[in-house]
Amino acid sequence: MHTIAFAIPIALDKTELFRGAYRRFVLDRRAEFEDSRRRLGITSERGFLQQTPTGDVAIVVFDVVDPARMLAGTATSSEPIDVDFRHYLLEAFGLDLARGTLPAPSEQVFCWRREGSF
């Protein structure tokens, strides 16, 4: 299992779009979303909003089986939920996965867990 984290500046005036993504995809289209994530090998996905002096940033953390499979599948899938998700990424962050526009992967600097806590 791999953990991937991205910090992505949110496009101007698109913070509410980011806030609404959970409802739009996970709640309103739960079965489609879970099928998509299963196909892509995503076992967990978390999103955080970080407000900064230079603008809002989304921090997104994925636990995935195969990062390359996740990225390639998200970029090329013709499933309606994945197509809609790509449109959302373009609108909210300016990420055009179909054209290979990806944020640089984060570098893990440290990881600590209390023994026996997980």
Protein backbone atom coordinates (compact mmCIF):
# COMPACT_ATOMS: atom_id res chain seq x y z
CA MET A 1 0.00 0.00 0.00
CA HIS A 2 1.22 3.49 -0.86
CA THR A 3 0.22 6.86 0.54
CA ILE A 4 0.19 9.81 -1.84
CA ALA A 5 -0.30 13.39 -0.68
CA PHE A 6 -0.84 16.50 -2.80
CA ALA A 7 -1.00 20.15 -1.81
CA ILE A 8 -2.84 21.94 -4.62
CA PRO A 9 -3.70 25.65 -4.76
CA ILE A 10 -7.43 26.09 -5.25
CA ALA A 11 -8.37 28.29 -8.19
CA LEU A 12 -9.63 31.76 -7.32
CA ASP A 13 -13.24 31.68 -6.06
CA LYS A 14 -13.40 27.86 -6.22
CA THR A 15 -13.11 27.02 -2.50
CA GLU A 16 -16.82 26.26 -2.21
CA LEU A 17 -16.51 23.92 -5.20
CA PHE A 18 -13.80 22.06 -3.27
CA ARG A 19 -15.94 22.04 -0.11
CA GLY A 20 -18.86 20.59 -2.08
CA ALA A 21 -16.91 17.81 -3.78
CA TYR A 22 -17.55 15.31 -0.99
CA ARG A 23 -21.31 15.70 -1.33
CA ARG A 24 -21.18 15.85 -5.13
CA PHE A 25 -19.16 12.67 -5.58
CA VAL A 26 -19.13 10.59 -2.40
CA LEU A 27 -22.64 11.18 -1.05
CA ASP A 28 -24.74 11.89 -4.14
CA ARG A 29 -23.06 9.24 -6.31
CA ARG A 30 -21.84 6.80 -3.68
CA ALA A 31 -22.11 3.54 -5.67
CA GLU A 32 -20.40 5.05 -8.74
CA PHE A 33 -17.72 6.65 -6.57
CA GLU A 34 -16.96 3.43 -4.72
CA ASP A 35 -16.80 1.47 -8.00
CA SER A 36 -14.40 4.08 -9.39
CA ARG A 37 -12.16 3.96 -6.36
CA ARG A 38 -12.15 0.14 -6.37
CA ARG A 39 -11.17 0.11 -10.09
CA LEU A 40 -8.42 2.65 -9.45
CA GLY A 41 -7.07 0.81 -6.41
CA ILE A 42 -7.84 3.64 -3.97
CA THR A 43 -8.58 2.40 -0.45
CA SER A 44 -8.77 5.76 1.31
CA GLU A 45 -9.07 9.40 0.27
CA ARG A 46 -8.98 12.43 2.56
CA GLY A 47 -9.23 16.12 1.75
CA PHE A 48 -8.23 19.09 3.90
CA LEU A 49 -8.67 22.81 3.32
CA GLN A 50 -5.69 24.96 4.32
CA GLN A 51 -6.22 28.71 4.27
CA THR A 52 -3.01 30.64 3.65
CA PRO A 53 -2.17 34.32 3.18
CA THR A 54 -1.68 33.65 -0.55
CA GLY A 55 -4.91 31.69 -1.06
CA ASP A 56 -6.65 28.46 -0.20
CA VAL A 57 -4.90 25.14 -0.70
CA ALA A 58 -6.38 21.65 -0.87
CA ILE A 59 -4.38 18.93 0.81
CA VAL A 60 -5.43 15.55 -0.51
CA VAL A 61 -4.17 12.22 0.80
CA PHE A 62 -4.74 8.89 -0.92
CA ASP A 63 -3.94 5.35 0.14
CA VAL A 64 -3.54 3.35 -3.06
CA VAL A 65 -2.46 -0.07 -4.22
CA ASP A 66 -0.60 1.24 -7.29
CA PRO A 67 -0.04 5.00 -7.75
CA ALA A 68 0.60 4.70 -11.50
CA ARG A 69 -2.65 2.76 -11.97
CA MET A 70 -4.56 5.39 -10.00
CA LEU A 71 -3.18 8.31 -12.00
CA ALA A 72 -3.46 6.64 -15.40
CA GLY A 73 -6.97 5.38 -14.67
CA THR A 74 -8.16 8.75 -13.44
CA ALA A 75 -6.71 10.41 -16.55
CA THR A 76 -8.17 8.01 -19.11
CA SER A 77 -11.33 6.38 -17.74
CA SER A 78 -14.48 6.87 -19.77
CA GLU A 79 -16.75 6.08 -16.81
CA PRO A 80 -19.12 9.04 -16.23
CA ILE A 81 -18.01 9.57 -12.61
CA ASP A 82 -14.35 9.69 -13.64
CA VAL A 83 -15.06 12.05 -16.55
CA ASP A 84 -16.99 14.33 -14.17
CA PHE A 85 -14.16 14.12 -11.62
CA ARG A 86 -11.64 15.21 -14.29
CA HIS A 87 -13.86 18.21 -15.14
CA TYR A 88 -14.01 19.05 -11.43
CA LEU A 89 -10.19 18.87 -11.13
CA LEU A 90 -9.84 21.21 -14.10
CA GLU A 91 -12.35 23.72 -12.75
CA ALA A 92 -11.24 23.66 -9.10
CA PHE A 93 -7.46 23.38 -9.55
CA GLY A 94 -6.59 23.86 -13.21
CA LEU A 95 -5.42 20.23 -13.37
CA ASP A 96 -5.97 18.71 -16.80
CA LEU A 97 -5.18 15.04 -16.25
CA ALA A 98 -6.01 14.17 -19.84
CA ARG A 99 -3.12 16.42 -20.90
CA GLY A 100 -0.80 15.15 -18.18
CA THR A 101 -1.08 18.18 -15.89
CA LEU A 102 -0.33 16.74 -12.47
CA PRO A 103 0.95 18.28 -9.28
CA ALA A 104 4.42 17.15 -8.32
CA PRO A 105 4.23 14.29 -5.83
CA SER A 106 5.01 15.19 -2.27
CA GLU A 107 8.18 13.98 -0.62
CA GLN A 108 7.58 12.19 2.66
CA VAL A 109 9.97 13.72 5.14
CA PHE A 110 8.95 11.74 8.22
CA CYS A 111 6.38 9.32 9.53
CA TRP A 112 5.73 8.55 13.20
CA ARG A 113 3.14 6.32 14.80
CA ARG A 114 2.72 5.36 18.39
CA GLU A 115 3.52 1.68 18.66
CA GLY A 116 0.38 -0.42 18.73
CA SER A 117 -1.88 2.47 17.73
CA PHE A 118 -2.76 1.14 14.26
